[in-house]
Amino acid sequence: MIDVDDKLLEQQEQEQKEKEIGLQFEAGGNSLNDKEEQEDFSETERTRDEILEGEARHAEQLQENDKKKEKEKGNGSGKAESAADVLVQLGIQNTKLLLKDQYCTSYAQVQIGDHDEIIRIESGKFKRYLARLFYDKSSNKVVNADAINNAIQVIQAKAEYDGPTVPLSLRVAWQVGDIYYDLSNDKWQCIKIFQEGWEISNMPSPLFVRYNQIPQVNPDRNYGGDIFDKFLHLTNLKEDQDMILLKVYIVSLFIPDIAHAMLVLHGEKGSAKSTLQTMIKLLVDPAKPTLLTIHEKRSEFIQQLAHNHIAYYDNVKRTPVWLSDEACKAVTGIGQTKRKLYTDDDEIVYEYKRCLGFNGINISLTEPDALDRSMMIELDRISKENRKEESYIMAEFMQLRPQLLAFILDTLVKALQIKPTIKLNDLPRMADFALWCEAIARALGYKELEFIQ
């Protein structure tokens, strides 16, 4: 009986303990598992912190490497070079000479391929030159316009303040007693004309500036003695005596820095006045456009003269009131200025002696001063039986052109020899022009004073 009671009591105590353990589990869970989970969580936190710290150190190292690269590319001060800085260095390194002309316009002498070119620093061509240098240097990266403009300012300043002053000419120039004629070809070649002969050569130094000129043909020495007469047969001169005037006048267009008489062609409709002007222009000063139009604004006229050695005006019907005065200034060499921008006081200086010509049914210039400086030649109307297509006439001229150019160059060589020996007692108004034309006339085989008379 006692054994049964003891067993029952023992069983009740065991059940009570199990209930207490169950209550403890529900209230606080398994203390062993909690400890293991806490340890796992702490380990995860430590791992994440280590990863973040490693990434931060890596980022700092990358930034430090970038700074080192910038210092290596920079100018030694630790500051990275801007695109404009790079352009200035490239521009100077790839320029043989920075210079300014007689009007303080800045130019750069640069080597393009196997020859040198003279490029105005403010021009679009020089900007494109800098852009190309940057593109090649930076592994085909494109530079922005602001960087180019900023670099242009610096390079221009170096030319203005540090560069030499070099007089530049258009198409023809004197140098040490010799005449240089710009062929305006892609190789920037010229013809040197001197008392012993003439030769094609590369530019000896910065000498010419170009605008809208186009390449001249190379002269051909294989010509006949009647080459000039063949050319004149393509024209319609009314008077035979005008042949000597026109021959001498055309050769004189190669003489630099003298006042040339204005060529005024007049005649009936259909007398090929424009064709004759076109042929002379192509023979001496090929450019685009070949013939010009007179605009109402005086500034347009000045701009045209500045960009053409020969300025021929086609089919002049009515003339602005200022034309005669400005034409006289152009041939005698009086300078002009105009404001560069309306926002400042900077001026563009134009100073030139140009070869002018006009054609029209009537004589286009009427002022006495202009007429005194003009060579007036009348052309006949072409008869129906002698009329030819303009394309046919121009094709014949193009065949004659290389030989005719060589003949003119040979004539200039003789004129250079003769000119120092000529003395005229009664000099006309345009004395230099008269003296040179007399020398050219004698070189062509005419008698003394035959041209003057």
Protein backbone atom coordinates (compact mmCIF):
# COMPACT_ATOMS: atom_id res chain seq x y z
CA MET A 1 0.00 0.00 0.00
CA ILE A 2 2.84 2.30 0.92
CA ASP A 3 4.72 1.38 -2.31
CA VAL A 4 1.72 2.34 -4.43
CA ASP A 5 1.37 5.71 -2.79
CA ASP A 6 5.04 6.45 -3.15
CA LYS A 7 4.93 5.68 -6.87
CA LEU A 8 1.91 7.88 -7.37
CA LEU A 9 3.56 10.76 -5.56
CA GLU A 10 6.73 10.36 -7.57
CA GLN A 11 4.74 10.34 -10.82
CA GLN A 12 2.90 13.55 -9.85
CA GLU A 13 6.19 15.31 -9.08
CA GLN A 14 7.58 14.28 -12.47
CA GLU A 15 4.54 15.61 -14.30
CA GLN A 16 4.78 18.87 -12.37
CA LYS A 17 8.42 19.32 -13.42
CA GLU A 18 7.55 18.67 -17.06
CA LYS A 19 4.78 21.28 -16.89
CA GLU A 20 7.19 23.82 -15.42
CA ILE A 21 9.74 23.12 -18.13
CA GLY A 22 7.03 23.52 -20.80
CA LEU A 23 5.93 26.83 -19.31
CA GLN A 24 9.52 28.04 -19.26
CA PHE A 25 10.00 27.10 -22.93
CA GLU A 26 6.82 28.90 -23.97
CA ALA A 27 7.77 31.98 -21.99
CA GLY A 28 11.45 32.29 -22.90
CA GLY A 29 12.26 29.66 -25.49
CA ASN A 30 15.22 27.44 -25.67
CA SER A 31 18.13 29.26 -24.06
CA LEU A 32 20.72 27.17 -25.93
CA ASN A 33 19.23 27.90 -29.36
CA ASP A 34 18.98 31.60 -28.52
CA LYS A 35 22.67 31.72 -27.76
CA GLU A 36 23.59 30.01 -31.03
CA GLU A 37 21.34 32.35 -33.04
CA GLN A 38 22.85 35.39 -31.31
CA GLU A 39 26.34 34.22 -32.20
CA ASP A 40 25.30 33.68 -35.86
CA PHE A 41 23.84 37.22 -36.07
CA SER A 42 26.95 38.81 -34.60
CA GLU A 43 29.12 36.97 -37.09
CA THR A 44 26.94 38.27 -39.98
CA GLU A 45 27.23 41.85 -38.71
CA ARG A 46 31.00 41.59 -38.54
CA THR A 47 31.20 40.20 -42.10
CA ARG A 48 29.04 43.01 -43.53
CA ASP A 49 31.11 45.68 -41.80
CA GLU A 50 34.30 44.17 -43.13
CA ILE A 51 32.89 44.14 -46.69
CA LEU A 52 31.82 47.79 -46.43
CA GLU A 53 35.20 48.80 -45.06
CA GLY A 54 36.94 46.97 -47.91
CA GLU A 55 34.78 48.66 -50.53
CA ALA A 56 35.49 52.07 -48.99
CA ARG A 57 39.23 51.42 -49.05
CA HIS A 58 38.97 50.30 -52.70
CA ALA A 59 37.09 53.47 -53.67
CA GLU A 60 39.70 55.62 -51.94
CA GLN A 61 42.45 53.81 -53.81
CA LEU A 62 40.70 54.41 -57.16
CA GLN A 63 40.36 58.11 -56.38
CA GLU A 64 44.01 58.29 -55.47
CA ASN A 65 45.00 56.59 -58.74
CA ASP A 66 42.85 59.05 -60.72
CA LYS A 67 44.56 61.97 -58.99
CA LYS A 68 47.96 60.55 -59.87
CA LYS A 69 46.94 60.18 -63.53
CA GLU A 70 45.67 63.77 -63.60
CA LYS A 71 48.97 64.98 -62.15
CA GLU A 72 50.87 63.07 -64.83
CA LYS A 73 48.72 64.65 -67.56
CA GLY A 74 48.79 68.06 -65.93
CA ASN A 75 51.37 70.82 -66.01
CA GLY A 76 53.17 69.76 -62.86
CA SER A 77 50.99 71.77 -60.52
CA GLY A 78 48.62 68.89 -59.89
CA LYS A 79 45.84 70.56 -61.89
CA ALA A 80 44.49 68.70 -64.92
CA GLU A 81 44.85 70.42 -68.30
CA SER A 82 41.69 71.71 -69.94
CA ALA A 83 40.90 71.09 -73.59
CA ALA A 84 41.81 74.72 -74.34
CA ASP A 85 45.23 74.22 -72.69
CA VAL A 86 45.85 71.18 -74.86
CA LEU A 87 44.77 73.07 -77.99
CA VAL A 88 47.15 75.95 -77.27
CA GLN A 89 50.06 73.52 -76.86
CA LEU A 90 49.12 71.61 -80.01
CA GLY A 91 48.69 74.82 -81.99
CA ILE A 92 52.09 76.19 -80.99
CA GLN A 93 53.89 72.86 -81.40
CA ASN A 94 52.50 72.40 -84.93
CA THR A 95 53.10 75.98 -86.09
CA LYS A 96 56.35 77.00 -87.76
CA LEU A 97 55.76 80.70 -87.21
CA LEU A 98 53.18 82.94 -85.58
CA LEU A 99 53.15 86.33 -87.28
CA LYS A 100 51.13 89.45 -87.96
CA ASP A 101 50.85 91.29 -91.26
CA GLN A 102 51.25 95.01 -91.91
CA TYR A 103 47.70 95.62 -90.63
CA CYS A 104 48.25 93.65 -87.38
CA THR A 105 46.13 90.71 -88.56
CA SER A 106 47.43 87.47 -87.01
CA TYR A 107 48.50 84.50 -89.12
CA ALA A 108 50.11 81.09 -88.59
CA GLN A 109 52.58 79.39 -90.89
CA VAL A 110 51.80 75.68 -90.67
CA GLN A 111 53.03 72.64 -92.52
CA ILE A 112 50.33 70.77 -94.41
CA GLY A 113 51.71 67.64 -96.01
CA ASP A 114 54.84 68.56 -97.97
CA HIS A 115 54.30 72.34 -98.03
CA ASP A 116 53.66 75.35 -95.81
CA GLU A 117 50.49 77.41 -95.73
CA ILE A 118 49.70 80.83 -94.28
CA ILE A 119 46.38 80.73 -92.42
CA ARG A 120 44.62 83.59 -90.68
CA ILE A 121 44.30 82.60 -87.02
CA GLU A 122 40.72 83.87 -86.67
CA SER A 123 39.58 82.01 -89.77
CA GLY A 124 37.37 78.95 -89.80
CA LYS A 125 40.16 77.02 -91.53
CA PHE A 126 42.55 77.48 -88.58
CA LYS A 127 39.80 76.47 -86.13
CA ARG A 128 39.27 73.28 -88.09
CA TYR A 129 43.03 72.74 -88.10
CA LEU A 130 43.09 72.89 -84.28
CA ALA A 131 40.07 70.58 -84.05
CA ARG A 132 41.83 68.04 -86.23
CA LEU A 133 45.02 68.20 -84.12
CA PHE A 134 42.99 67.57 -80.96
CA TYR A 135 41.05 64.72 -82.57
CA ASP A 136 44.26 62.96 -83.65
CA LYS A 137 45.99 63.56 -80.30
CA SER A 138 43.14 62.43 -78.03
CA SER A 139 42.28 59.13 -79.75
CA ASN A 140 39.40 60.46 -81.83
CA LYS A 141 37.76 62.72 -79.26
CA VAL A 142 35.86 65.82 -80.41
CA VAL A 143 36.70 69.15 -78.79
CA ASN A 144 33.97 71.70 -78.07
CA ALA A 145 33.72 75.10 -79.74
CA ASP A 146 34.32 77.07 -76.54
CA ALA A 147 37.69 75.41 -76.04
CA ILE A 148 38.69 76.23 -79.62
CA ASN A 149 37.67 79.87 -79.24
CA ASN A 150 39.57 80.19 -75.95
CA ALA A 151 42.67 78.67 -77.52
CA ILE A 152 42.38 80.99 -80.53
CA GLN A 153 42.50 84.00 -78.19
CA VAL A 154 45.80 82.84 -76.67
CA ILE A 155 47.44 81.90 -79.98
CA GLN A 156 46.32 85.17 -81.53
CA ALA A 157 47.79 87.12 -78.60
CA LYS A 158 51.12 85.33 -79.02
CA ALA A 159 51.16 86.26 -82.71
CA GLU A 160 50.27 89.90 -82.01
CA TYR A 161 52.69 90.48 -79.13
CA ASP A 162 55.53 88.03 -79.80
CA GLY A 163 55.41 87.35 -83.54
CA PRO A 164 57.28 89.32 -86.22
CA THR A 165 55.54 91.71 -88.61
CA VAL A 166 55.61 90.25 -92.13
CA PRO A 167 53.96 92.16 -95.02
CA LEU A 168 51.63 89.85 -96.96
CA SER A 169 50.41 90.40 -100.51
CA LEU A 170 47.62 89.15 -102.73
CA ARG A 171 48.59 87.29 -105.95
CA VAL A 172 51.73 89.36 -106.82
CA ALA A 173 54.57 90.76 -104.70
CA TRP A 174 58.03 92.28 -104.87
CA GLN A 175 60.91 90.67 -102.99
CA VAL A 176 64.47 91.93 -103.36
CA GLY A 177 63.84 93.28 -106.85
CA ASP A 178 62.13 90.12 -108.11
CA ILE A 179 58.44 89.59 -108.85
CA TYR A 180 56.67 86.68 -107.19
CA TYR A 181 53.40 85.40 -108.64
CA ASP A 182 51.18 83.13 -106.54
CA LEU A 183 49.97 80.11 -108.50
CA SER A 184 47.36 79.61 -105.75
CA ASN A 185 47.61 75.84 -106.11
CA ASP A 186 47.33 73.24 -103.37
CA LYS A 187 51.12 73.07 -102.95
CA TRP A 188 51.36 76.82 -102.32
CA GLN A 189 53.84 77.26 -105.16
CA CYS A 190 54.75 80.52 -106.79
CA ILE A 191 56.63 81.77 -109.86
CA LYS A 192 59.74 83.82 -109.30
CA ILE A 193 60.33 86.32 -112.15
CA PHE A 194 63.78 87.92 -112.33
CA GLN A 195 66.02 89.50 -114.96
CA GLU A 196 67.64 86.18 -115.87
CA GLY A 197 64.38 84.22 -116.27
CA TRP A 198 61.54 82.72 -114.31
CA GLU A 199 60.99 79.52 -112.37
CA ILE A 200 58.33 77.72 -110.36
CA SER A 201 59.31 77.32 -106.71
CA ASN A 202 57.95 76.85 -103.22
CA MET A 203 57.26 79.94 -101.17
CA PRO A 204 60.62 81.27 -99.94
CA SER A 205 58.95 82.77 -96.84
CA PRO A 206 55.50 83.96 -95.76
CA LEU A 207 54.54 86.10 -98.75
CA PHE A 208 50.93 85.70 -99.83
CA VAL A 209 47.48 85.62 -98.31
CA ARG A 210 44.58 83.91 -100.04
CA TYR A 211 40.82 84.34 -100.01
CA ASN A 212 38.74 83.00 -102.90
CA GLN A 213 41.58 82.35 -105.36
CA ILE A 214 41.58 79.14 -107.38
CA PRO A 215 44.61 77.30 -108.88
CA GLN A 216 46.35 78.76 -111.90
CA VAL A 217 47.55 76.53 -114.74
CA ASN A 218 51.24 75.74 -114.99
CA PRO A 219 52.88 77.78 -117.79
CA ASP A 220 54.03 75.97 -120.93
CA ARG A 221 57.14 77.33 -122.66
CA ASN A 222 56.26 75.55 -125.94
CA TYR A 223 54.44 78.44 -127.61
CA GLY A 224 54.57 80.08 -131.02
CA GLY A 225 55.51 83.69 -131.64
CA ASP A 226 51.91 84.58 -132.54
CA ILE A 227 50.37 83.24 -129.30
CA PHE A 228 49.15 86.69 -128.17
CA ASP A 229 47.60 87.42 -131.57
CA LYS A 230 45.74 84.10 -131.43
CA PHE A 231 44.28 85.22 -128.13
CA LEU A 232 43.23 88.61 -129.49
CA HIS A 233 41.51 86.92 -132.42
CA LEU A 234 39.05 85.54 -129.88
CA THR A 235 38.03 89.12 -129.04
CA ASN A 236 36.13 91.76 -131.01
CA LEU A 237 38.27 94.90 -130.78
CA LYS A 238 36.80 97.67 -132.89
CA GLU A 239 40.07 99.54 -133.45
CA ASP A 240 43.33 97.88 -134.45
CA GLN A 241 45.31 100.38 -132.37
CA ASP A 242 43.66 98.96 -129.26
CA MET A 243 45.60 95.74 -129.74
CA ILE A 244 48.79 97.26 -128.34
CA LEU A 245 46.85 98.81 -125.46
CA LEU A 246 45.23 95.52 -124.50
CA LYS A 247 48.44 93.47 -124.84
CA VAL A 248 50.49 95.85 -122.72
CA TYR A 249 47.68 96.26 -120.19
CA ILE A 250 47.35 92.49 -119.65
CA VAL A 251 51.09 92.04 -119.06
CA SER A 252 51.13 95.03 -116.68
CA LEU A 253 48.63 93.27 -114.41
CA PHE A 254 51.53 91.13 -113.14
CA ILE A 255 53.44 94.20 -111.87
CA PRO A 256 52.88 94.63 -108.11
CA ASP A 257 52.24 97.82 -106.16
CA ILE A 258 51.62 100.29 -108.96
CA ALA A 259 48.48 102.17 -109.88
CA HIS A 260 46.96 100.42 -112.90
CA ALA A 261 44.59 102.10 -115.32
CA MET A 262 40.99 100.92 -115.06
CA LEU A 263 39.88 98.83 -118.04
CA VAL A 264 36.52 100.11 -119.30
CA LEU A 265 35.00 97.91 -122.01
CA HIS A 266 31.98 99.25 -123.82
CA GLY A 267 30.05 98.28 -126.94
CA GLU A 268 26.74 97.03 -128.22
CA LYS A 269 24.90 94.06 -126.86
CA GLY A 270 26.49 90.86 -128.14
CA SER A 271 30.05 92.20 -128.41
CA ALA A 272 31.43 89.64 -125.91
CA LYS A 273 32.51 92.19 -123.29
CA SER A 274 31.94 89.77 -120.43
CA THR A 275 33.81 87.02 -122.25
CA LEU A 276 36.91 89.21 -122.68
CA GLN A 277 36.83 90.18 -119.01
CA THR A 278 36.50 86.54 -118.01
CA MET A 279 39.48 85.47 -120.11
CA ILE A 280 41.74 88.20 -118.70
CA LYS A 281 40.67 87.36 -115.16
CA LEU A 282 41.42 83.65 -115.63
CA LEU A 283 44.76 84.45 -117.25
CA VAL A 284 45.99 86.66 -114.41
CA ASP A 285 43.92 86.21 -111.24
CA PRO A 286 41.63 83.14 -111.33
CA ALA A 287 39.12 83.31 -108.49
CA LYS A 288 35.51 82.65 -107.61
CA PRO A 289 33.35 84.41 -108.61
CA THR A 290 35.11 85.39 -111.83
CA LEU A 291 33.11 88.58 -112.43
CA LEU A 292 31.55 90.76 -109.75
CA THR A 293 28.39 92.79 -109.28
CA ILE A 294 28.29 96.28 -107.82
CA HIS A 295 26.16 96.45 -104.67
CA GLU A 296 24.49 99.50 -103.23
CA LYS A 297 26.60 99.43 -100.08
CA ARG A 298 30.08 100.91 -100.29
CA SER A 299 31.31 98.39 -97.68
CA GLU A 300 30.53 95.48 -100.05
CA PHE A 301 32.64 97.12 -102.76
CA ILE A 302 35.56 97.55 -100.35
CA GLN A 303 35.31 93.91 -99.26
CA GLN A 304 35.38 92.71 -102.87
CA LEU A 305 38.47 94.78 -103.63
CA ALA A 306 40.26 93.49 -100.53
CA HIS A 307 39.81 89.88 -101.68
CA ASN A 308 40.66 90.22 -105.40
CA HIS A 309 43.83 91.33 -107.16
CA ILE A 310 41.67 91.98 -110.24
CA ALA A 311 38.10 93.13 -109.65
CA TYR A 312 36.07 93.15 -112.86
CA TYR A 313 32.44 94.30 -112.75
CA ASP A 314 30.05 92.91 -115.31
CA ASN A 315 27.20 94.60 -117.18
CA VAL A 316 27.25 97.89 -115.27
CA LYS A 317 24.04 99.82 -116.03
CA ARG A 318 23.71 102.36 -113.26
CA THR A 319 26.39 103.29 -110.81
CA PRO A 320 26.11 104.46 -107.19
CA VAL A 321 27.17 108.06 -106.60
CA TRP A 322 30.20 106.91 -104.63
CA LEU A 323 31.60 104.52 -107.29
CA SER A 324 33.89 106.88 -109.22
CA ASP A 325 35.50 108.21 -106.05
CA GLU A 326 36.01 104.74 -104.54
CA ALA A 327 37.34 103.34 -107.83
CA CYS A 328 39.98 106.09 -107.98
CA LYS A 329 40.99 105.33 -104.39
CA ALA A 330 41.27 101.64 -105.19
CA VAL A 331 43.72 102.07 -108.07
CA THR A 332 45.88 104.73 -106.37
CA GLY A 333 46.10 102.90 -103.05
CA ILE A 334 44.18 104.95 -100.50
CA GLY A 335 43.26 102.85 -97.46
CA GLN A 336 39.86 102.17 -95.94
CA THR A 337 38.65 101.14 -92.49
CA LYS A 338 35.46 99.72 -91.07
CA ARG A 339 34.36 98.71 -87.61
CA LYS A 340 35.02 95.07 -86.84
CA LEU A 341 32.02 94.65 -84.51
CA TYR A 342 29.25 97.00 -83.53
CA THR A 343 29.99 96.22 -79.87
CA ASP A 344 33.54 97.59 -79.82
CA ASP A 345 35.84 100.16 -81.42
CA ASP A 346 38.16 97.69 -83.19
CA GLU A 347 38.62 98.41 -86.87
CA ILE A 348 39.53 96.37 -89.92
CA VAL A 349 42.07 98.15 -92.11
CA TYR A 350 41.92 97.79 -95.89
CA GLU A 351 44.85 99.17 -97.85
CA TYR A 352 45.38 98.06 -101.42
CA LYS A 353 46.19 98.93 -104.99
CA ARG A 354 43.86 96.93 -107.14
CA CYS A 355 43.28 96.36 -110.85
CA LEU A 356 39.73 97.39 -111.69
CA GLY A 357 37.57 96.96 -114.76
CA PHE A 358 33.99 97.64 -115.82
CA ASN A 359 31.93 96.64 -118.83
CA GLY A 360 28.59 97.89 -120.14
CA ILE A 361 26.80 99.11 -123.20
CA ASN A 362 27.72 102.68 -122.29
CA ILE A 363 30.79 104.05 -120.52
CA SER A 364 30.03 103.40 -116.88
CA LEU A 365 32.37 105.97 -115.31
CA THR A 366 31.70 109.63 -116.00
CA GLU A 367 33.65 111.61 -113.38
CA PRO A 368 36.77 113.37 -114.79
CA ASP A 369 39.14 111.83 -112.20
CA ALA A 370 37.90 108.34 -113.03
CA LEU A 371 38.13 108.90 -116.79
CA ASP A 372 41.72 110.15 -116.45
CA ARG A 373 42.60 106.84 -114.81
CA SER A 374 40.79 104.68 -117.36
CA MET A 375 41.72 102.79 -120.52
CA MET A 376 38.59 102.72 -122.64
CA ILE A 377 38.28 100.06 -125.32
CA GLU A 378 35.28 99.60 -127.57
CA LEU A 379 34.19 96.20 -128.83
CA ASP A 380 32.25 95.48 -132.03
CA ARG A 381 29.02 93.55 -132.13
CA ILE A 382 29.64 90.06 -133.46
CA SER A 383 28.02 89.48 -136.83
CA LYS A 384 25.76 86.48 -137.33
CA GLU A 385 28.18 84.77 -139.69
CA ASN A 386 31.07 85.15 -137.20
CA ARG A 387 29.12 84.34 -134.07
CA LYS A 388 30.38 81.41 -132.01
CA GLU A 389 29.12 79.77 -128.88
CA GLU A 390 30.76 81.08 -125.74
CA SER A 391 31.69 77.54 -124.74
CA TYR A 392 33.62 77.16 -128.01
CA ILE A 393 35.52 80.44 -127.46
CA MET A 394 36.36 79.49 -123.87
CA ALA A 395 37.56 76.05 -124.97
CA GLU A 396 39.96 77.67 -127.44
CA PHE A 397 41.15 80.08 -124.75
CA MET A 398 41.79 77.22 -122.29
CA GLN A 399 44.04 75.57 -124.87
CA LEU A 400 46.01 78.78 -125.34
CA ARG A 401 46.15 79.68 -121.66
CA PRO A 402 49.28 77.73 -120.50
CA GLN A 403 51.36 78.91 -123.49
CA LEU A 404 50.05 82.49 -123.25
CA LEU A 405 50.97 82.60 -119.54
CA ALA A 406 54.52 81.47 -120.33
CA PHE A 407 54.79 84.09 -123.08
CA ILE A 408 53.72 86.81 -120.62
CA LEU A 409 56.31 85.62 -118.08
CA ASP A 410 59.06 85.79 -120.72
CA THR A 411 57.88 89.29 -121.61
CA LEU A 412 58.09 90.33 -117.95
CA VAL A 413 61.69 89.08 -117.78
CA LYS A 414 62.58 91.37 -120.71
CA ALA A 415 60.62 94.25 -119.17
CA LEU A 416 62.60 93.93 -115.94
CA GLN A 417 65.78 94.33 -117.98
CA ILE A 418 64.48 97.28 -119.99
CA LYS A 419 62.70 99.26 -117.26
CA PRO A 420 65.85 100.74 -115.58
CA THR A 421 66.94 102.20 -118.93
CA ILE A 422 63.73 104.13 -119.67
CA LYS A 423 63.48 107.84 -119.04
CA LEU A 424 60.45 109.85 -120.13
CA ASN A 425 60.64 113.63 -120.28
CA ASP A 426 56.90 114.21 -120.16
CA LEU A 427 55.35 111.83 -117.64
CA PRO A 428 51.57 111.38 -117.74
CA ARG A 429 49.35 111.36 -114.63
CA MET A 430 49.90 107.66 -113.77
CA ALA A 431 53.67 107.83 -114.16
CA ASP A 432 54.64 104.39 -112.79
CA PHE A 433 52.03 102.70 -114.97
CA ALA A 434 53.26 104.60 -118.02
CA LEU A 435 56.91 103.68 -117.41
CA TRP A 436 56.18 100.00 -116.93
CA CYS A 437 53.87 99.90 -119.94
CA GLU A 438 56.58 101.51 -122.08
CA ALA A 439 59.05 98.84 -120.92
CA ILE A 440 56.50 96.09 -121.62
CA ALA A 441 55.70 97.51 -125.08
CA ARG A 442 59.39 97.48 -126.01
CA ALA A 443 59.70 93.93 -124.65
CA LEU A 444 56.84 92.96 -126.96
CA GLY A 445 58.74 94.42 -129.93
CA TYR A 446 57.01 97.79 -130.31
CA LYS A 447 58.94 100.96 -131.05
CA GLU A 448 59.93 103.52 -128.44
CA LEU A 449 57.00 105.65 -127.24
CA GLU A 450 54.59 103.74 -129.50
CA PHE A 451 52.47 102.80 -126.51
CA ILE A 452 52.62 106.28 -124.93
CA GLN A 453 51.58 108.00 -128.13
